[in-house]
């Protein structure tokens, strides 16, 4: 919070001291937003956000056009102090080249997509670099700017500008369209590619969005990219990809607020109540297990991969409580639910805490399917499957963030997984969801069908995969589910990625999306487990100045 406030104050000072007057012409507006873009690059060097890229390679399908048949996954922490550099958390199905040098000197030389011997190879740093429009600056001697129109993106009014690099202006120049909010003149969306094409490889097309994270502070949150099949290339590789950024807020070491609180000296006070006594062996064992559990949760959150406690946890807890009450189950210490911030579909337990991934919450079609997933994890708790208490020792939490997924062993044994499946079916048949288990089975059938083509989406970071080879969890539910019919529009086995959970890129907090769900009009719009374009509703939480409504006029040169 301190870092965000300092940066915001600096940017506000620039507006107050140097740009008190709104631009009267388009040329003046261009000067404003190009200068702001340089400040954006300086601001980005102060942050180390998480960057997640999920890519789906596509193949033609007679009924659905193109469908995923392979996938690639990257999860990294980004640094832009000395070029685009990344600490790798997960790198599945891709390559990891080292990038060096000031970002202002490398974007033009880096191929965002490398083809070697006719085979495509994705570069993770290339997707992260799409947050930069042109690190050398949007100079007038390198670009032509043309005013298009004014347009609202969500609640934010923008001027829309087409940008074309001038001849001989250099490699890797931006070619496309910009949306510039008309209060402080920050670029909030960039849609296009880089030009001219490199000699080897090719630049990707991208749609990059920034969101407001404080006064005059707009930072990257989403990038969508896709490329079609190239008719003239035998080994063309059509794909679509989502890149997400989060974790901009600096994590403070320790809770400094607690240090400044007033402490009451209780040395002379003697508590005679039962709670003042030493713990019994059973109570102390529970406390020790809870300490191991809390250590893991705290470390996952500090690494930036676990969402802070929030309202989504309460929704999950309500569903688990429905299962517990109807089955007369009591869990001590109390059961909790949390959300992993990553896209791969997974669920697992840490002690008495059930964790589901953001991606899994996105694709679950209904509450019955959610209950089925949660029932498997609740079954582990009911059966007494425990967390290794070695994590109660804090020295085991002292490791680099990028090794987080390798530092915890949270998988269950095959025997425990089979027992949990059997218990989960028992819990579901006694639950309020017992009449909707056909729909839940349909979801697991869709998982089983998609497993060969989407191994990275279905491969868990920390727990056991929802799919074990070609066999999904809760196979009895799968056996009772109907066959998947892509042409039956009211049969929704699974949803696309990104439609249900909204992630605050600054604080890592999540909430359920309030956007209205749109029924598919054709089989091609069902898109189970698929990547889709991203259209965030932009807002400006801070009240706009009174003069923010001054219109920007087109200049004579802009109309040429």
Protein backbone atom coordinates (compact mmCIF):
# COMPACT_ATOMS: atom_id res chain seq x y z
CA UNK A 1 0.00 0.00 0.00
CA UNK A 2 2.87 2.37 0.77
CA UNK A 3 4.46 1.70 -2.63
CA UNK A 4 1.20 2.32 -4.50
CA UNK A 5 0.61 5.58 -2.60
CA UNK A 6 4.11 6.92 -3.39
CA UNK A 7 3.79 6.13 -7.08
CA UNK A 8 0.30 7.58 -7.25
CA UNK A 9 1.43 10.79 -5.52
CA UNK A 10 4.29 11.12 -8.01
CA UNK A 11 1.96 10.70 -10.97
CA UNK A 12 -0.60 13.09 -9.50
CA UNK A 13 2.14 15.66 -8.97
CA UNK A 14 3.04 15.43 -12.65
CA UNK A 15 -0.58 16.10 -13.56
CA UNK A 16 -0.98 18.93 -11.06
CA UNK A 17 2.29 20.74 -11.77
CA UNK A 18 2.83 20.19 -15.47
CA UNK A 19 -0.54 19.33 -16.96
CA UNK A 20 -3.11 21.37 -15.09
CA UNK A 21 -4.85 22.29 -18.37
CA UNK A 22 -6.63 19.72 -20.48
CA UNK A 23 -5.28 19.50 -24.06
CA UNK A 24 -7.17 21.62 -26.56
CA UNK A 25 -5.99 19.75 -29.67
CA UNK A 26 -5.29 16.18 -30.63
CA UNK A 27 -1.58 16.97 -31.03
CA UNK A 28 -1.46 18.11 -27.41
CA UNK A 29 -3.25 14.93 -26.35
CA UNK A 30 -0.62 12.87 -28.20
CA UNK A 31 2.13 14.72 -26.34
CA UNK A 32 0.33 13.97 -23.09
CA UNK A 33 -0.19 10.23 -23.49
CA UNK A 34 3.25 9.57 -25.01
CA UNK A 35 4.85 11.27 -22.02
CA UNK A 36 2.64 9.28 -19.66
CA UNK A 37 3.76 6.07 -21.34
CA UNK A 38 7.36 6.82 -20.41
CA UNK A 39 6.24 7.30 -16.80
CA UNK A 40 4.43 3.95 -17.01
CA UNK A 41 7.68 2.19 -17.95
CA UNK A 42 9.45 3.79 -14.99
CA UNK A 43 6.58 2.78 -12.69
CA UNK A 44 6.67 -0.85 -13.85
CA UNK A 45 10.28 -1.17 -12.70
CA UNK A 46 9.02 -0.76 -9.13
CA UNK A 47 6.80 -3.85 -9.26
CA UNK A 48 7.30 -7.61 -9.41
CA UNK A 49 3.90 -9.03 -10.36
CA UNK A 50 3.04 -12.64 -11.04
CA UNK A 51 2.56 -13.40 -14.75
CA UNK A 52 0.54 -16.42 -15.85
CA UNK A 53 0.25 -17.40 -19.51
CA UNK A 54 -1.95 -20.23 -20.68
CA UNK A 55 -1.85 -21.17 -24.38
CA UNK A 56 -4.06 -23.55 -26.33
CA UNK A 57 -2.92 -24.79 -29.74
CA UNK A 58 -5.88 -25.35 -32.04
CA UNK A 59 -6.80 -27.92 -34.65
CA UNK A 60 -9.67 -27.81 -37.17
CA UNK A 61 -12.95 -29.50 -36.31
CA UNK A 62 -15.79 -30.07 -38.76
CA UNK A 63 -18.50 -29.03 -36.29
CA UNK A 64 -16.75 -26.55 -33.99
CA UNK A 65 -14.33 -24.77 -36.30
CA UNK A 66 -11.18 -25.01 -34.18
CA UNK A 67 -10.74 -26.80 -30.85
CA UNK A 68 -7.79 -27.12 -28.42
CA UNK A 69 -5.56 -30.11 -29.01
CA UNK A 70 -2.40 -29.08 -27.08
CA UNK A 71 -1.65 -26.60 -24.34
CA UNK A 72 1.31 -24.74 -22.81
CA UNK A 73 1.53 -23.11 -19.37
CA UNK A 74 3.90 -20.55 -17.82
CA UNK A 75 3.80 -19.07 -14.32
CA UNK A 76 6.47 -16.53 -13.38
CA UNK A 77 7.29 -13.46 -11.34
CA UNK A 78 8.18 -10.51 -13.54
CA UNK A 79 10.98 -7.99 -13.07
CA UNK A 80 11.63 -5.09 -15.46
CA UNK A 81 14.58 -3.45 -13.71
CA UNK A 82 17.07 -4.91 -16.20
CA UNK A 83 14.90 -5.88 -19.11
CA UNK A 84 12.05 -8.37 -18.92
CA UNK A 85 13.26 -11.06 -16.53
CA UNK A 86 11.23 -13.73 -14.81
CA UNK A 87 11.53 -16.10 -11.85
CA UNK A 88 9.93 -19.38 -12.93
CA UNK A 89 7.23 -21.00 -10.77
CA UNK A 90 5.94 -23.37 -13.45
CA UNK A 91 6.98 -23.89 -17.06
CA UNK A 92 5.01 -26.65 -18.74
CA UNK A 93 5.31 -27.28 -22.43
CA UNK A 94 7.47 -24.27 -23.31
CA UNK A 95 11.00 -22.93 -23.45
CA UNK A 96 12.76 -20.53 -21.10
CA UNK A 97 15.30 -18.31 -22.82
CA UNK A 98 17.27 -15.81 -20.78
CA UNK A 99 16.56 -12.16 -21.59
CA UNK A 100 19.08 -9.51 -20.66
CA UNK A 101 19.47 -5.77 -21.12
CA UNK A 102 17.36 -2.69 -20.55
CA UNK A 103 13.82 -3.26 -21.78
CA UNK A 104 14.16 -0.22 -24.01
CA UNK A 105 16.74 -2.07 -26.09
CA UNK A 106 15.39 -5.61 -26.37
CA UNK A 107 11.74 -5.51 -27.38
CA UNK A 108 12.56 -4.75 -31.00
CA UNK A 109 14.99 -7.67 -31.18
CA UNK A 110 13.02 -10.37 -29.36
CA UNK A 111 10.89 -12.73 -31.43
CA UNK A 112 7.70 -13.26 -29.46
CA UNK A 113 7.16 -16.53 -31.28
CA UNK A 114 10.08 -18.63 -32.45
CA UNK A 115 9.83 -21.31 -35.10
CA UNK A 116 12.79 -23.68 -35.22
CA UNK A 117 12.97 -26.32 -37.96
CA UNK A 118 9.33 -25.66 -38.75
CA UNK A 119 8.19 -26.38 -35.21
CA UNK A 120 6.73 -23.66 -33.04
CA UNK A 121 8.31 -22.80 -29.71
CA UNK A 122 6.66 -20.33 -27.37
CA UNK A 123 8.81 -17.88 -25.46
CA UNK A 124 7.29 -17.00 -22.07
CA UNK A 125 9.07 -13.65 -21.89
CA UNK A 126 7.49 -12.72 -25.22
CA UNK A 127 3.99 -12.90 -23.79
CA UNK A 128 4.99 -10.84 -20.76
CA UNK A 129 6.55 -8.20 -23.00
CA UNK A 130 3.22 -7.52 -24.66
CA UNK A 131 2.49 -5.25 -21.70
CA UNK A 132 4.97 -2.82 -23.32
CA UNK A 133 3.74 -0.89 -26.36
CA UNK A 134 7.15 0.46 -27.32
CA UNK A 135 9.89 0.61 -24.72
CA UNK A 136 11.83 3.13 -26.81
CA UNK A 137 8.90 5.50 -26.47
CA UNK A 138 6.09 6.53 -28.77
CA UNK A 139 8.13 9.31 -30.37
CA UNK A 140 6.63 11.48 -33.09
CA UNK A 141 9.62 10.88 -35.35
CA UNK A 142 8.83 7.13 -35.27
CA UNK A 143 5.01 7.11 -35.47
CA UNK A 144 1.97 8.55 -37.20
CA UNK A 145 -1.01 9.12 -34.90
CA UNK A 146 -4.58 9.37 -36.18
CA UNK A 147 -7.62 10.27 -34.09
CA UNK A 148 -10.46 7.75 -34.61
CA UNK A 149 -13.27 8.56 -32.16
CA UNK A 150 -14.22 8.76 -28.50
CA UNK A 151 -15.43 5.60 -26.83
CA UNK A 152 -16.30 4.26 -23.37
CA UNK A 153 -14.52 1.19 -22.02
CA UNK A 154 -16.74 0.35 -19.09
CA UNK A 155 -17.13 3.58 -17.13
CA UNK A 156 -13.97 5.17 -18.53
CA UNK A 157 -14.22 7.53 -21.48
CA UNK A 158 -11.34 7.19 -23.90
CA UNK A 159 -9.98 8.68 -27.08
CA UNK A 160 -9.21 6.04 -29.70
CA UNK A 161 -6.01 6.45 -31.70
CA UNK A 162 -4.60 4.48 -34.63
CA UNK A 163 -0.81 4.19 -34.50
CA UNK A 164 1.39 3.42 -37.52
CA UNK A 165 5.20 3.27 -37.48
CA UNK A 166 6.95 5.53 -39.98
CA UNK A 167 9.18 3.96 -42.67
CA UNK A 168 12.69 3.11 -41.47
CA UNK A 169 11.76 3.79 -37.83
CA UNK A 170 13.29 0.53 -36.64
CA UNK A 171 12.27 -3.04 -35.79
CA UNK A 172 9.58 -4.06 -33.36
CA UNK A 173 7.49 -0.90 -33.57
CA UNK A 174 3.85 -1.03 -32.48
CA UNK A 175 1.22 -1.19 -35.20
CA UNK A 176 -2.39 -0.98 -34.11
CA UNK A 177 -4.89 0.95 -32.01
CA UNK A 178 -4.69 2.59 -28.58
CA UNK A 179 -7.39 3.60 -26.11
CA UNK A 180 -6.36 6.54 -23.90
CA UNK A 181 -8.46 7.56 -20.89
CA UNK A 182 -9.25 11.27 -21.14
CA UNK A 183 -8.59 12.37 -17.55
CA UNK A 184 -4.87 11.79 -17.00
CA UNK A 185 -4.15 10.44 -20.51
CA UNK A 186 -2.94 6.97 -19.59
CA UNK A 187 -3.07 4.26 -22.25
CA UNK A 188 -5.54 1.66 -20.95
CA UNK A 189 -5.78 -0.68 -23.93
CA UNK A 190 -3.51 -1.59 -26.85
CA UNK A 191 -4.63 -3.80 -29.73
CA UNK A 192 -2.29 -4.79 -32.56
CA UNK A 193 1.16 -6.27 -33.19
CA UNK A 194 4.75 -5.24 -33.87
CA UNK A 195 6.22 -4.32 -37.23
CA UNK A 196 8.09 -5.03 -39.44
CA UNK A 197 8.15 -8.85 -39.08
CA UNK A 198 11.49 -10.29 -37.93
CA UNK A 199 13.65 -12.41 -40.21
CA UNK A 200 13.09 -15.47 -38.01
CA UNK A 201 9.89 -16.20 -36.17
CA UNK A 202 6.97 -13.80 -36.06
CA UNK A 203 5.42 -11.21 -33.79
CA UNK A 204 2.08 -12.07 -32.25
CA UNK A 205 -1.14 -10.08 -32.31
CA UNK A 206 -2.34 -9.06 -28.88
CA UNK A 207 -5.06 -7.18 -27.02
CA UNK A 208 -3.58 -5.73 -23.81
CA UNK A 209 -5.62 -4.17 -20.97
CA UNK A 210 -4.56 -2.05 -18.01
CA UNK A 211 -6.78 -1.40 -15.00
CA UNK A 212 -6.88 1.39 -12.47
CA UNK A 213 -5.06 0.50 -9.24
CA UNK A 214 -4.89 3.94 -7.65
CA UNK A 215 -5.03 7.64 -8.52
CA UNK A 216 -3.46 8.07 -11.98
CA UNK A 217 -2.06 4.51 -11.73
CA UNK A 218 -2.99 2.10 -14.52
CA UNK A 219 -1.14 -1.22 -14.64
CA UNK A 220 -1.36 -4.31 -16.90
CA UNK A 221 -3.90 -6.94 -15.87
CA UNK A 222 -4.84 -8.94 -18.98
CA UNK A 223 -3.47 -9.80 -22.41
CA UNK A 224 -5.29 -11.89 -24.98
CA UNK A 225 -3.48 -13.20 -28.04
CA UNK A 226 -4.49 -15.41 -30.94
CA UNK A 227 -3.19 -16.37 -34.36
CA UNK A 228 -5.18 -18.10 -37.12
CA UNK A 229 -4.05 -20.95 -39.31
CA UNK A 230 -1.83 -19.72 -42.14
CA UNK A 231 -2.99 -21.16 -45.43
CA UNK A 232 0.41 -20.86 -47.07
CA UNK A 233 2.32 -22.64 -44.29
CA UNK A 234 2.16 -26.40 -43.99
CA UNK A 235 3.08 -26.37 -40.31
CA UNK A 236 1.07 -23.36 -39.26
CA UNK A 237 0.11 -23.43 -35.58
CA UNK A 238 -3.11 -21.56 -34.76
CA UNK A 239 -3.50 -20.81 -31.07
CA UNK A 240 -5.12 -18.54 -28.49
CA UNK A 241 -3.69 -17.46 -25.17
CA UNK A 242 -4.50 -15.55 -21.99
CA UNK A 243 -1.85 -13.76 -19.94
CA UNK A 244 -2.80 -12.46 -16.50
CA UNK A 245 -0.89 -10.24 -14.08
CA UNK A 246 -1.45 -10.03 -10.33
CA UNK A 247 0.36 -9.40 -7.06
CA UNK A 248 1.45 -5.79 -7.60
CA UNK A 249 1.02 -4.92 -3.95
CA UNK A 250 4.23 -5.41 -1.96
CA UNK A 251 3.96 -7.99 0.79
CA UNK A 252 5.17 -6.52 4.07
CA UNK A 253 7.51 -8.62 6.16
CA UNK A 254 5.61 -9.01 9.37
CA UNK A 255 2.55 -7.16 10.60
CA UNK A 256 3.94 -3.81 11.62
CA UNK A 257 0.54 -2.63 12.82
CA UNK A 258 0.61 -5.16 15.61
CA UNK A 259 3.93 -3.75 16.86
CA UNK A 260 2.41 -0.32 17.41
CA UNK A 261 -0.65 -1.58 19.26
CA UNK A 262 -0.98 -0.88 22.99
CA UNK A 263 0.11 -3.89 25.02
CA UNK A 264 -1.38 -4.64 28.42
CA UNK A 265 1.04 -5.89 31.06
CA UNK A 266 -0.54 -9.04 32.45
CA UNK A 267 2.39 -10.20 34.56
CA UNK A 268 0.50 -9.62 37.77
CA UNK A 269 -2.81 -10.95 36.49
CA UNK A 270 -3.64 -14.59 37.03
CA UNK A 271 -6.36 -16.23 34.95
CA UNK A 272 -8.01 -19.05 36.89
CA UNK A 273 -10.24 -20.18 34.01
CA UNK A 274 -9.87 -23.53 32.26
CA UNK A 275 -8.56 -21.83 29.12
CA UNK A 276 -5.49 -20.66 31.05
CA UNK A 277 -4.29 -24.19 31.63
CA UNK A 278 -1.82 -26.20 29.52
CA UNK A 279 -3.35 -28.03 26.58
CA UNK A 280 -4.25 -31.68 26.91
CA UNK A 281 -2.42 -34.17 24.68
CA UNK A 282 -5.33 -34.28 22.21
CA UNK A 283 -5.71 -30.48 22.16
CA UNK A 284 -1.96 -29.94 21.79
CA UNK A 285 -1.84 -32.42 18.89
CA UNK A 286 -4.64 -30.53 17.17
CA UNK A 287 -2.86 -27.23 17.78
CA UNK A 288 0.37 -28.63 16.33
CA UNK A 289 -1.45 -29.88 13.22
CA UNK A 290 -3.17 -26.51 12.85
CA UNK A 291 0.19 -24.77 13.10
CA UNK A 292 1.49 -26.85 10.19
CA UNK A 293 -1.66 -26.03 8.22
CA UNK A 294 -1.43 -22.29 8.93
CA UNK A 295 2.26 -22.24 8.01
CA UNK A 296 1.53 -23.70 4.58
CA UNK A 297 -1.39 -21.34 3.93
CA UNK A 298 0.60 -18.30 5.02
CA UNK A 299 3.53 -19.29 2.82
CA UNK A 300 1.32 -19.87 -0.23
CA UNK A 301 -0.29 -16.48 0.25
CA UNK A 302 3.07 -14.77 0.75
CA UNK A 303 4.34 -16.34 -2.49
CA UNK A 304 1.41 -14.75 -4.33
CA UNK A 305 -0.39 -17.94 -5.37
CA UNK A 306 -3.15 -18.09 -2.72
CA UNK A 307 -5.89 -15.47 -2.50
CA UNK A 308 -6.39 -13.67 0.82
CA UNK A 309 -9.41 -14.71 2.90
CA UNK A 310 -12.54 -13.32 1.24
CA UNK A 311 -16.18 -13.74 0.32
CA UNK A 312 -15.58 -16.51 -2.24
CA UNK A 313 -14.29 -18.66 0.62
CA UNK A 314 -17.65 -18.19 2.34
CA UNK A 315 -19.52 -19.42 -0.75
CA UNK A 316 -17.41 -22.57 -0.83
CA UNK A 317 -17.81 -23.06 2.92
CA UNK A 318 -21.61 -22.86 2.57
CA UNK A 319 -21.61 -25.72 0.06
CA UNK A 320 -19.33 -27.80 2.30
CA UNK A 321 -21.59 -27.08 5.29
CA UNK A 322 -24.56 -28.37 3.27
CA UNK A 323 -22.69 -31.63 2.81
CA UNK A 324 -21.61 -31.82 6.45
CA UNK A 325 -25.00 -31.06 7.99
CA UNK A 326 -26.92 -33.60 5.89
CA UNK A 327 -24.31 -36.26 6.69
CA UNK A 328 -23.95 -35.43 10.40
CA UNK A 329 -20.23 -34.70 10.06
CA UNK A 330 -18.35 -32.57 12.55
CA UNK A 331 -14.80 -31.43 11.83
CA UNK A 332 -12.53 -30.16 14.63
CA UNK A 333 -10.73 -27.81 14.35
CA UNK A 334 -13.24 -26.20 12.00
CA UNK A 335 -13.03 -26.71 8.25
CA UNK A 336 -12.01 -23.77 6.02
CA UNK A 337 -11.95 -23.07 2.27
CA UNK A 338 -9.47 -21.01 0.22
CA UNK A 339 -8.76 -20.29 -3.46
CA UNK A 340 -5.52 -20.86 -5.37
CA UNK A 341 -4.98 -18.04 -7.88
CA UNK A 342 -3.77 -20.17 -10.78
CA UNK A 343 -5.59 -21.45 -13.89
CA UNK A 344 -4.85 -25.22 -13.88
CA UNK A 345 -7.81 -27.16 -12.51
CA UNK A 346 -7.08 -28.61 -9.09
CA UNK A 347 -8.50 -29.18 -5.64
CA UNK A 348 -6.69 -30.46 -2.55
CA UNK A 349 -6.60 -30.18 1.22
CA UNK A 350 -4.07 -28.63 3.55
CA UNK A 351 -4.94 -29.99 6.96
CA UNK A 352 -8.58 -28.95 7.49
CA UNK A 353 -8.52 -26.39 4.69
CA UNK A 354 -9.99 -27.23 1.28
CA UNK A 355 -8.37 -25.35 -1.62
CA UNK A 356 -9.79 -24.99 -5.13
CA UNK A 357 -8.02 -23.21 -7.99
CA UNK A 358 -9.39 -20.12 -9.73
CA UNK A 359 -9.46 -22.00 -13.03
CA UNK A 360 -11.53 -24.81 -11.55
CA UNK A 361 -14.09 -22.35 -10.17
CA UNK A 362 -14.26 -20.75 -13.62
CA UNK A 363 -15.20 -23.93 -15.49
CA UNK A 364 -17.57 -25.64 -13.03
CA UNK A 365 -21.03 -25.43 -14.63
CA UNK A 366 -23.25 -25.40 -11.53
CA UNK A 367 -23.43 -25.85 -7.76
CA UNK A 368 -23.88 -29.62 -8.02
CA UNK A 369 -20.57 -29.96 -9.85
CA UNK A 370 -18.94 -27.71 -7.24
CA UNK A 371 -20.41 -29.89 -4.49
CA UNK A 372 -19.03 -33.01 -6.17
CA UNK A 373 -15.50 -31.56 -6.25
CA UNK A 374 -15.76 -30.38 -2.63
CA UNK A 375 -17.20 -33.72 -1.49
CA UNK A 376 -13.99 -35.49 -2.51
CA UNK A 377 -11.90 -33.11 -0.39
CA UNK A 378 -14.37 -33.23 2.52
CA UNK A 379 -14.11 -37.01 2.38
CA UNK A 380 -10.36 -36.76 3.00
CA UNK A 381 -11.12 -34.73 6.15
CA UNK A 382 -13.87 -37.07 7.31
CA UNK A 383 -11.57 -40.06 6.83
CA UNK A 384 -8.84 -38.44 8.91
CA UNK A 385 -6.28 -38.04 6.12
CA UNK A 386 -3.78 -35.64 7.64
CA UNK A 387 -1.18 -33.10 6.64
CA UNK A 388 2.44 -33.96 7.42
CA UNK A 389 3.21 -32.05 10.62
CA UNK A 390 6.79 -31.41 9.52
CA UNK A 391 5.42 -28.10 8.19
CA UNK A 392 4.85 -26.96 11.77
CA UNK A 393 8.58 -26.15 11.84
CA UNK A 394 9.03 -22.65 10.44
CA UNK A 395 12.47 -23.31 8.99
CA UNK A 396 10.69 -25.40 6.35
CA UNK A 397 8.98 -22.21 5.12
CA UNK A 398 12.28 -20.50 4.31
CA UNK A 399 12.68 -21.06 0.59
CA UNK A 400 12.53 -18.88 -2.56
CA UNK A 401 9.03 -18.10 -3.82
CA UNK A 402 9.70 -19.70 -7.19
CA UNK A 403 10.25 -23.09 -5.53
CA UNK A 404 6.90 -22.99 -3.73
CA UNK A 405 5.25 -25.76 -5.75
CA UNK A 406 8.25 -28.03 -5.25
CA UNK A 407 8.58 -27.34 -1.52
CA UNK A 408 5.27 -28.87 -0.42
CA UNK A 409 4.21 -32.49 -0.76
CA UNK A 410 0.42 -32.34 -0.52
CA UNK A 411 -0.56 -35.23 -2.81
CA UNK A 412 -2.57 -38.14 -1.43
CA UNK A 413 -1.70 -41.79 -1.91
CA UNK A 414 -3.66 -43.80 -4.50
CA UNK A 415 -5.32 -45.69 -1.64
CA UNK A 416 -6.43 -42.43 0.02
CA UNK A 417 -7.80 -41.15 -3.30
CA UNK A 418 -9.88 -44.31 -3.83
CA UNK A 419 -11.22 -44.13 -0.27
CA UNK A 420 -12.08 -40.44 -0.68
CA UNK A 421 -14.00 -41.16 -3.89
CA UNK A 422 -16.06 -43.85 -2.17
CA UNK A 423 -16.79 -41.63 0.81
CA UNK A 424 -17.63 -38.66 -1.45
CA UNK A 425 -20.30 -40.67 -3.28
CA UNK A 426 -21.84 -41.54 0.08
CA UNK A 427 -21.84 -37.87 1.11
CA UNK A 428 -23.41 -36.74 -2.17
CA UNK A 429 -26.22 -39.31 -2.04
CA UNK A 430 -27.26 -37.94 1.39
CA UNK A 431 -26.90 -34.30 0.36
CA UNK A 432 -29.21 -31.61 -1.09
CA UNK A 433 -27.44 -32.24 -4.42
CA UNK A 434 -28.47 -35.92 -4.71
CA UNK A 435 -31.01 -35.21 -7.49
CA UNK A 436 -28.48 -33.26 -9.60
CA UNK A 437 -25.61 -35.73 -9.67
CA UNK A 438 -26.17 -36.43 -13.36
CA UNK A 439 -25.02 -32.88 -14.13
CA UNK A 440 -21.99 -33.32 -11.86
CA UNK A 441 -21.11 -36.57 -13.64
CA UNK A 442 -21.30 -34.74 -16.96
CA UNK A 443 -18.57 -32.36 -15.78
CA UNK A 444 -16.23 -35.22 -14.87
CA UNK A 445 -17.01 -36.89 -18.20
CA UNK A 446 -15.98 -33.66 -19.96
CA UNK A 447 -12.75 -33.66 -17.94
CA UNK A 448 -12.05 -37.21 -19.05
CA UNK A 449 -12.72 -36.33 -22.69
CA UNK A 450 -10.46 -33.24 -22.61
CA UNK A 451 -7.56 -34.87 -20.75
CA UNK A 452 -5.51 -35.94 -23.81
CA UNK A 453 -5.53 -32.46 -25.38
CA UNK A 454 -5.19 -30.29 -22.28
CA UNK A 455 -2.62 -31.98 -20.03
CA UNK A 456 -1.27 -28.71 -18.60
CA UNK A 457 -4.71 -27.40 -17.67
CA UNK A 458 -5.55 -30.66 -15.90
CA UNK A 459 -2.15 -31.16 -14.27
CA UNK A 460 -2.16 -29.85 -10.69
CA UNK A 461 0.59 -27.82 -9.04
CA UNK A 462 0.11 -29.07 -5.47
CA UNK A 463 -2.57 -31.73 -5.13
CA UNK A 464 -3.68 -34.81 -7.04
CA UNK A 465 -4.95 -34.27 -10.59
CA UNK A 466 -8.70 -34.31 -11.13
CA UNK A 467 -7.90 -36.79 -13.87
CA UNK A 468 -5.68 -39.80 -13.17
CA UNK A 469 -4.55 -40.69 -16.65
CA UNK A 470 -7.72 -41.21 -18.68
CA UNK A 471 -9.90 -41.77 -15.63
CA UNK A 472 -11.62 -38.89 -13.83
CA UNK A 473 -12.47 -38.74 -10.16
CA UNK A 474 -15.83 -40.08 -9.02
CA UNK A 475 -16.07 -42.52 -11.92
CA UNK A 476 -19.44 -43.78 -10.64
CA UNK A 477 -20.86 -40.33 -11.39
CA UNK A 478 -19.30 -40.46 -14.84
CA UNK A 479 -20.93 -43.82 -15.50
CA UNK A 480 -24.34 -42.34 -14.64
CA UNK A 481 -23.93 -39.25 -16.80
CA UNK A 482 -25.24 -38.98 -20.37
CA UNK A 483 -22.94 -38.89 -23.36
CA UNK A 484 -21.73 -35.42 -24.28
CA UNK A 485 -23.74 -33.99 -27.17
CA UNK A 486 -22.07 -30.86 -28.57
CA UNK A 487 -25.20 -29.93 -30.53
CA UNK A 488 -27.47 -30.00 -27.48
CA UNK A 489 -27.27 -26.36 -26.43
CA UNK A 490 -28.85 -26.82 -23.00
CA UNK A 491 -26.26 -29.46 -22.08
CA UNK A 492 -23.43 -27.47 -20.46
CA UNK A 493 -20.76 -29.88 -19.27
CA UNK A 494 -18.15 -27.21 -18.49
CA UNK A 495 -17.67 -23.46 -18.97
CA UNK A 496 -14.83 -21.54 -20.67
CA UNK A 497 -11.94 -20.19 -18.62
CA UNK A 498 -12.12 -16.72 -17.09
CA UNK A 499 -15.87 -16.24 -16.79
CA UNK A 500 -16.64 -16.62 -13.11
CA UNK A 501 -13.81 -15.36 -10.87
CA UNK A 502 -12.66 -11.73 -10.95
CA UNK A 503 -9.14 -11.14 -9.63
CA UNK A 504 -7.93 -7.81 -8.24
CA UNK A 505 -4.47 -7.57 -9.77
CA UNK A 506 -3.26 -5.22 -7.04
CA UNK A 507 -4.30 -7.00 -3.85
CA UNK A 508 -4.83 -10.61 -5.09
CA UNK A 509 -8.37 -10.51 -3.71
CA UNK A 510 -11.03 -12.31 -5.70
CA UNK A 511 -14.77 -12.07 -6.10
CA UNK A 512 -17.38 -13.86 -8.16
CA UNK A 513 -18.20 -12.09 -11.40
CA UNK A 514 -21.56 -10.33 -11.50
CA UNK A 515 -21.74 -10.32 -15.30
CA UNK A 516 -24.84 -11.90 -16.80
CA UNK A 517 -24.26 -15.34 -18.27
CA UNK A 518 -25.17 -15.55 -21.97
CA UNK A 519 -26.65 -18.78 -23.28
CA UNK A 520 -24.78 -20.21 -26.30
CA UNK A 521 -26.52 -19.73 -29.63
CA UNK A 522 -24.55 -22.52 -31.30
CA UNK A 523 -22.30 -25.43 -30.43
CA UNK A 524 -19.24 -23.28 -31.17
CA UNK A 525 -20.15 -20.93 -28.30
CA UNK A 526 -20.12 -23.64 -25.61
CA UNK A 527 -16.27 -23.72 -25.50
CA UNK A 528 -15.69 -26.02 -22.47
CA UNK A 529 -12.32 -25.38 -20.77
CA UNK A 530 -11.31 -23.01 -23.56
CA UNK A 531 -9.41 -19.73 -23.57
CA UNK A 532 -11.55 -16.75 -24.63
CA UNK A 533 -10.92 -13.02 -25.21
CA UNK A 534 -10.91 -10.76 -22.15
CA UNK A 535 -13.11 -7.65 -21.88
CA UNK A 536 -12.80 -6.15 -18.38
CA UNK A 537 -15.19 -3.40 -17.31
CA UNK A 538 -12.84 -0.48 -16.65
CA UNK A 539 -13.60 1.84 -13.76
CA UNK A 540 -11.96 4.85 -12.20
CA UNK A 541 -12.53 4.64 -8.41
CA UNK A 542 -11.13 8.11 -7.74
CA UNK A 543 -13.46 11.01 -8.55
CA UNK A 544 -12.54 12.79 -11.77
CA UNK A 545 -11.53 16.48 -11.74
CA UNK A 546 -14.14 18.99 -12.80
CA UNK A 547 -12.30 19.79 -16.03
CA UNK A 548 -12.06 16.14 -17.13
CA UNK A 549 -14.98 16.62 -19.53
CA UNK A 550 -13.08 19.04 -21.77
CA UNK A 551 -13.24 17.51 -25.25
CA UNK A 552 -10.16 16.76 -27.29
CA UNK A 553 -10.27 18.35 -30.72
CA UNK A 554 -8.78 16.85 -33.84
CA UNK A 555 -5.84 18.76 -35.25
CA UNK A 556 -5.23 19.46 -38.89
CA UNK A 557 -2.25 17.12 -38.95
CA UNK A 558 -4.20 14.30 -37.33
CA UNK A 559 -6.74 14.29 -40.13
CA UNK A 560 -4.11 13.65 -42.79
